[in-house]
Each structure stands twice: as C-alpha cells, then as structure tokens.
C-alpha cells in the first residue's frame, strides 16, 4: 500500500523493535479505502478503536433521543483492558514474528 507521509517511530529508532502502535497510520489509510483485512494486518488496535468509538457514539445518540436503558453503551473498564491486551499481543507477536521467524508484514525492519 502506498502512503503519503511516513513518520519515523522513535521507539523503533531507539530499540529496533516495533512499538504496539506501529502501522497505525497505514491501518487508518487502508480502512478509509475499505481494505479492512489490510487495515487489521497493519494494526488491529485501529479496528478495535473504530468499533468502540461507534459503540459509544451509538449510546450517546440513543441517550440524546431520550431512550432509556443506554447503560450497555457506556464506557466500561473491560474496554480499556481489552484494548491494552490487544496492544500487548500485537507488540509481542509482531516482534517475535520479525526476529524469530523473519516475518515482517510492515516491511520496515528487514
């Protein structure tokens, strides 16, 4: 996928490892072009953030329309914990993939 602007990752420059959010800009651009699989492969946290944002906006709209029982659309701590878990899994899996198996989907290190 071609991209317009490539901002270097300070974490990657200092450590040589991908940070948990590396590929986020590419994920957003792929998502905006309706390439959802490519967006997920670049960084799954972007898809997660889109889903959570839509969920919370839906709750806000329903509340503004006067609907009752919109509690399930509120922010819950499990949403934060799940997002942090996704970040951790992406960080470990991506770097193990690069350094143990030579698989670099983003193509920035090797």
N, C-alpha and C. Protein backbone atom coordinates (compact mmCIF):
# COMPACT_ATOMS: atom_id res chain seq x y z
N UNK A 1 0.84 -1.18 0.00
CA UNK A 1 0.00 0.00 0.00
C UNK A 1 0.89 1.24 0.00
N UNK A 2 0.59 2.15 -0.87
CA UNK A 2 1.37 3.37 -0.88
C UNK A 2 0.80 4.33 0.15
N UNK A 3 1.65 5.09 0.74
CA UNK A 3 1.21 6.06 1.72
C UNK A 3 1.89 7.39 1.46
N UNK A 4 1.28 8.45 1.94
CA UNK A 4 1.73 9.79 1.62
C UNK A 4 2.87 10.24 2.54
N UNK A 5 2.71 10.05 3.82
CA UNK A 5 3.66 10.56 4.79
C UNK A 5 4.10 9.44 5.71
N UNK A 6 5.39 9.29 5.88
CA UNK A 6 5.91 8.25 6.76
C UNK A 6 6.65 8.92 7.91
N UNK A 7 6.03 8.93 9.07
CA UNK A 7 6.66 9.50 10.24
C UNK A 7 7.45 8.41 10.96
N UNK A 8 8.72 8.63 11.24
CA UNK A 8 9.51 7.58 11.90
C UNK A 8 9.04 7.36 13.34
N UNK A 9 9.14 6.13 13.78
CA UNK A 9 8.75 5.76 15.14
C UNK A 9 9.98 5.90 16.03
N UNK A 10 9.89 6.75 17.03
CA UNK A 10 11.01 6.98 17.94
C UNK A 10 11.36 5.70 18.70
N UNK A 11 10.35 4.95 19.14
CA UNK A 11 10.58 3.69 19.86
C UNK A 11 11.38 2.73 18.99
N UNK A 12 11.00 2.62 17.72
CA UNK A 12 11.69 1.71 16.81
C UNK A 12 13.12 2.19 16.52
N UNK A 13 13.30 3.49 16.42
CA UNK A 13 14.64 4.02 16.18
C UNK A 13 15.57 3.74 17.37
N UNK A 14 15.03 3.82 18.59
CA UNK A 14 15.85 3.62 19.78
C UNK A 14 16.09 2.16 20.11
N UNK A 15 15.08 1.30 19.89
CA UNK A 15 15.19 -0.09 20.33
C UNK A 15 15.35 -1.09 19.19
N UNK A 16 14.95 -0.72 17.98
CA UNK A 16 14.97 -1.66 16.87
C UNK A 16 13.75 -2.57 16.86
N UNK A 17 12.82 -2.37 17.79
CA UNK A 17 11.58 -3.16 17.87
C UNK A 17 10.40 -2.32 17.41
N UNK A 18 9.39 -3.01 16.90
CA UNK A 18 8.14 -2.32 16.60
C UNK A 18 7.44 -1.94 17.90
N UNK A 19 6.90 -0.74 17.96
CA UNK A 19 6.08 -0.37 19.12
C UNK A 19 4.67 -0.93 18.88
N UNK A 20 3.82 -0.95 19.90
CA UNK A 20 2.48 -1.51 19.72
C UNK A 20 1.61 -0.78 18.71
N UNK A 21 1.90 0.49 18.44
CA UNK A 21 1.06 1.23 17.51
C UNK A 21 1.70 1.45 16.14
N UNK A 22 2.86 0.85 15.90
CA UNK A 22 3.46 0.94 14.56
C UNK A 22 2.48 0.35 13.54
N UNK A 23 2.31 1.04 12.45
CA UNK A 23 1.37 0.61 11.43
C UNK A 23 -0.01 1.23 11.59
N UNK A 24 -0.18 2.08 12.60
CA UNK A 24 -1.48 2.70 12.84
C UNK A 24 -1.93 3.62 11.72
N UNK A 25 -1.01 4.40 11.18
CA UNK A 25 -1.37 5.29 10.08
C UNK A 25 -1.74 4.49 8.84
N UNK A 26 -0.96 3.44 8.56
CA UNK A 26 -1.28 2.58 7.41
C UNK A 26 -2.62 1.87 7.63
N UNK A 27 -2.90 1.48 8.87
CA UNK A 27 -4.19 0.83 9.18
C UNK A 27 -5.34 1.79 8.90
N UNK A 28 -5.17 3.06 9.29
CA UNK A 28 -6.22 4.04 9.06
C UNK A 28 -6.43 4.28 7.56
N UNK A 29 -5.34 4.42 6.82
CA UNK A 29 -5.47 4.65 5.38
C UNK A 29 -6.11 3.46 4.67
N UNK A 30 -5.72 2.25 5.06
CA UNK A 30 -6.33 1.05 4.47
C UNK A 30 -7.82 0.99 4.81
N UNK A 31 -8.17 1.33 6.04
CA UNK A 31 -9.58 1.33 6.46
C UNK A 31 -10.39 2.34 5.65
N UNK A 32 -9.83 3.51 5.45
CA UNK A 32 -10.54 4.54 4.68
C UNK A 32 -10.71 4.17 3.22
N UNK A 33 -9.87 3.26 2.71
CA UNK A 33 -10.01 2.75 1.35
C UNK A 33 -10.79 1.43 1.31
N UNK A 34 -11.43 1.08 2.43
CA UNK A 34 -12.26 -0.12 2.55
C UNK A 34 -11.46 -1.41 2.40
N UNK A 35 -10.17 -1.38 2.73
CA UNK A 35 -9.33 -2.57 2.75
C UNK A 35 -9.22 -3.02 4.20
N UNK A 36 -10.29 -3.63 4.70
CA UNK A 36 -10.39 -3.92 6.13
C UNK A 36 -9.41 -4.99 6.59
N UNK A 37 -9.15 -5.99 5.78
CA UNK A 37 -8.19 -7.04 6.15
C UNK A 37 -6.79 -6.44 6.25
N UNK A 38 -6.42 -5.63 5.27
CA UNK A 38 -5.11 -4.99 5.30
C UNK A 38 -4.99 -4.05 6.50
N UNK A 39 -6.07 -3.35 6.82
CA UNK A 39 -6.09 -2.48 7.99
C UNK A 39 -5.85 -3.29 9.26
N UNK A 40 -6.52 -4.41 9.37
CA UNK A 40 -6.35 -5.27 10.54
C UNK A 40 -4.92 -5.80 10.63
N UNK A 41 -4.35 -6.17 9.50
CA UNK A 41 -2.99 -6.71 9.50
C UNK A 41 -1.95 -5.63 9.83
N UNK A 42 -2.20 -4.39 9.41
CA UNK A 42 -1.26 -3.32 9.74
C UNK A 42 -1.26 -3.03 11.24
N UNK A 43 -2.44 -2.94 11.83
CA UNK A 43 -2.54 -2.77 13.28
C UNK A 43 -3.98 -2.99 13.72
N UNK A 44 -4.25 -4.11 14.41
CA UNK A 44 -5.61 -4.44 14.82
C UNK A 44 -6.22 -3.46 15.80
N UNK A 45 -5.41 -2.70 16.52
CA UNK A 45 -5.97 -1.77 17.50
C UNK A 45 -6.80 -0.69 16.82
N UNK A 46 -6.49 -0.35 15.58
CA UNK A 46 -7.27 0.67 14.88
C UNK A 46 -8.71 0.20 14.67
N UNK A 47 -8.88 -1.03 14.22
CA UNK A 47 -10.23 -1.59 14.04
C UNK A 47 -10.97 -1.61 15.37
N UNK A 48 -10.26 -2.01 16.42
CA UNK A 48 -10.87 -2.04 17.76
C UNK A 48 -11.34 -0.64 18.17
N UNK A 49 -10.51 0.37 17.94
CA UNK A 49 -10.89 1.73 18.30
C UNK A 49 -12.09 2.23 17.50
N UNK A 50 -12.17 1.85 16.23
CA UNK A 50 -13.33 2.24 15.41
C UNK A 50 -14.60 1.61 15.97
N UNK A 51 -14.53 0.32 16.32
CA UNK A 51 -15.70 -0.38 16.85
C UNK A 51 -16.14 0.24 18.18
N UNK A 52 -15.20 0.47 19.09
CA UNK A 52 -15.53 1.05 20.39
C UNK A 52 -16.09 2.46 20.23
N UNK A 53 -15.50 3.25 19.35
CA UNK A 53 -15.99 4.62 19.12
C UNK A 53 -17.41 4.60 18.58
N UNK A 54 -17.69 3.73 17.62
CA UNK A 54 -19.06 3.61 17.09
C UNK A 54 -20.04 3.17 18.17
N UNK A 55 -19.61 2.26 19.02
CA UNK A 55 -20.45 1.76 20.13
C UNK A 55 -20.80 2.91 21.08
N UNK A 56 -19.81 3.71 21.46
CA UNK A 56 -20.04 4.81 22.39
C UNK A 56 -20.86 5.93 21.75
N UNK A 57 -20.63 6.22 20.49
CA UNK A 57 -21.43 7.24 19.79
C UNK A 57 -22.88 6.79 19.66
N UNK A 58 -23.09 5.50 19.41
CA UNK A 58 -24.46 4.97 19.34
C UNK A 58 -25.18 5.21 20.67
N UNK A 59 -24.51 4.93 21.77
CA UNK A 59 -25.09 5.17 23.09
C UNK A 59 -25.40 6.63 23.32
N UNK A 60 -24.50 7.51 22.90
CA UNK A 60 -24.71 8.94 23.07
C UNK A 60 -25.92 9.40 22.25
N UNK A 61 -26.04 8.91 21.01
CA UNK A 61 -27.18 9.29 20.16
C UNK A 61 -28.48 8.78 20.76
N UNK A 62 -28.49 7.53 21.22
CA UNK A 62 -29.70 6.99 21.83
C UNK A 62 -30.10 7.78 23.07
N UNK A 63 -29.12 8.20 23.85
CA UNK A 63 -29.41 9.00 25.05
C UNK A 63 -30.00 10.35 24.66
N UNK A 64 -29.45 10.98 23.60
CA UNK A 64 -29.96 12.27 23.13
C UNK A 64 -31.38 12.14 22.58
N UNK A 65 -31.71 10.95 22.05
CA UNK A 65 -33.06 10.73 21.53
C UNK A 65 -34.05 10.40 22.63
N UNK A 66 -33.56 10.34 23.87
CA UNK A 66 -34.44 10.10 25.01
C UNK A 66 -34.68 8.64 25.33
N UNK A 67 -33.88 7.76 24.77
CA UNK A 67 -34.04 6.33 25.07
C UNK A 67 -33.59 6.03 26.49
N UNK A 68 -34.26 5.10 27.10
CA UNK A 68 -33.88 4.63 28.43
C UNK A 68 -32.97 3.40 28.27
N UNK A 69 -32.35 3.00 29.33
CA UNK A 69 -31.50 1.80 29.36
C UNK A 69 -30.37 1.85 28.34
N UNK A 70 -29.64 2.95 28.34
CA UNK A 70 -28.47 3.03 27.46
C UNK A 70 -27.19 2.70 28.22
N UNK A 71 -27.33 2.06 29.38
CA UNK A 71 -26.16 1.74 30.20
C UNK A 71 -25.17 0.82 29.49
N UNK A 72 -25.67 -0.09 28.67
CA UNK A 72 -24.75 -1.01 28.00
C UNK A 72 -23.89 -0.31 26.95
N UNK A 73 -24.26 0.92 26.57
CA UNK A 73 -23.48 1.67 25.60
C UNK A 73 -22.48 2.62 26.26
N UNK A 74 -22.39 2.59 27.58
CA UNK A 74 -21.42 3.42 28.28
C UNK A 74 -20.04 2.79 28.23
N UNK A 75 -19.03 3.60 28.54
CA UNK A 75 -17.67 3.09 28.63
C UNK A 75 -17.56 2.19 29.85
N UNK A 76 -16.95 1.04 29.67
CA UNK A 76 -16.69 0.10 30.76
C UNK A 76 -15.20 -0.19 30.80
N UNK A 77 -14.70 -0.48 31.98
CA UNK A 77 -13.26 -0.73 32.14
C UNK A 77 -12.78 -1.92 31.31
N UNK A 78 -13.65 -2.90 31.04
CA UNK A 78 -13.21 -4.03 30.23
C UNK A 78 -12.79 -3.59 28.83
N UNK A 79 -13.38 -2.49 28.36
CA UNK A 79 -12.99 -1.97 27.04
C UNK A 79 -11.53 -1.51 27.05
N UNK A 80 -11.13 -0.84 28.12
CA UNK A 80 -9.75 -0.40 28.27
C UNK A 80 -8.82 -1.60 28.40
N UNK A 81 -9.19 -2.56 29.25
CA UNK A 81 -8.35 -3.73 29.47
C UNK A 81 -8.20 -4.56 28.19
N UNK A 82 -9.27 -4.69 27.43
CA UNK A 82 -9.19 -5.43 26.17
C UNK A 82 -8.28 -4.71 25.18
N UNK A 83 -8.40 -3.38 25.11
CA UNK A 83 -7.52 -2.61 24.23
C UNK A 83 -6.06 -2.74 24.62
N UNK A 84 -5.78 -2.68 25.92
CA UNK A 84 -4.40 -2.87 26.38
C UNK A 84 -3.90 -4.28 26.09
N UNK A 85 -4.79 -5.26 26.23
CA UNK A 85 -4.42 -6.64 25.90
C UNK A 85 -4.09 -6.80 24.43
N UNK A 86 -4.88 -6.16 23.58
CA UNK A 86 -4.61 -6.21 22.13
C UNK A 86 -3.26 -5.57 21.84
N UNK A 87 -2.97 -4.42 22.46
CA UNK A 87 -1.68 -3.76 22.26
C UNK A 87 -0.53 -4.67 22.66
N UNK A 88 -0.67 -5.34 23.80
CA UNK A 88 0.39 -6.23 24.27
C UNK A 88 0.60 -7.41 23.33
N UNK A 89 -0.49 -8.02 22.90
CA UNK A 89 -0.39 -9.17 21.99
C UNK A 89 0.22 -8.75 20.66
N UNK A 90 -0.19 -7.60 20.13
CA UNK A 90 0.37 -7.11 18.86
C UNK A 90 1.86 -6.84 19.02
N UNK A 91 2.24 -6.21 20.12
CA UNK A 91 3.66 -5.90 20.36
C UNK A 91 4.50 -7.17 20.39
N UNK A 92 4.08 -8.15 21.16
CA UNK A 92 4.85 -9.40 21.29
C UNK A 92 4.83 -10.19 19.98
N UNK A 93 3.65 -10.39 19.41
CA UNK A 93 3.54 -11.22 18.20
C UNK A 93 4.30 -10.61 17.03
N UNK A 94 4.19 -9.32 16.86
CA UNK A 94 4.87 -8.68 15.73
C UNK A 94 6.38 -8.79 15.86
N UNK A 95 6.91 -8.55 17.05
CA UNK A 95 8.36 -8.60 17.23
C UNK A 95 8.89 -10.03 17.24
N UNK A 96 8.14 -10.98 17.77
CA UNK A 96 8.54 -12.39 17.69
C UNK A 96 8.51 -12.83 16.23
N UNK A 97 7.50 -12.40 15.49
CA UNK A 97 7.42 -12.74 14.07
C UNK A 97 8.61 -12.24 13.29
N UNK A 98 9.06 -11.03 13.61
CA UNK A 98 10.20 -10.44 12.89
C UNK A 98 11.50 -11.14 13.25
N UNK A 99 11.77 -11.26 14.55
CA UNK A 99 13.09 -11.71 14.98
C UNK A 99 13.23 -13.22 15.10
N UNK A 100 12.14 -13.94 15.31
CA UNK A 100 12.24 -15.39 15.42
C UNK A 100 11.97 -16.09 14.09
N UNK A 101 11.07 -15.53 13.28
CA UNK A 101 10.65 -16.21 12.06
C UNK A 101 10.93 -15.42 10.78
N UNK A 102 11.40 -14.19 10.91
CA UNK A 102 11.71 -13.39 9.73
C UNK A 102 10.48 -12.87 9.00
N UNK A 103 9.32 -12.88 9.65
CA UNK A 103 8.08 -12.41 9.03
C UNK A 103 7.84 -10.96 9.44
N UNK A 104 7.92 -10.05 8.48
CA UNK A 104 7.75 -8.63 8.75
C UNK A 104 6.67 -8.06 7.83
N UNK A 105 5.43 -8.08 8.28
CA UNK A 105 4.32 -7.62 7.44
C UNK A 105 4.48 -6.16 7.04
N UNK A 106 4.92 -5.32 7.96
CA UNK A 106 5.05 -3.90 7.65
C UNK A 106 6.26 -3.62 6.78
N UNK A 107 7.27 -4.48 6.83
CA UNK A 107 8.43 -4.34 5.97
C UNK A 107 9.37 -3.21 6.30
N UNK A 108 9.36 -2.75 7.56
CA UNK A 108 10.19 -1.62 7.93
C UNK A 108 11.53 -2.01 8.55
N UNK A 109 11.65 -3.23 9.06
CA UNK A 109 12.86 -3.58 9.79
C UNK A 109 13.83 -4.35 8.92
N UNK A 110 13.33 -5.31 8.17
CA UNK A 110 14.24 -6.12 7.33
C UNK A 110 13.96 -5.87 5.88
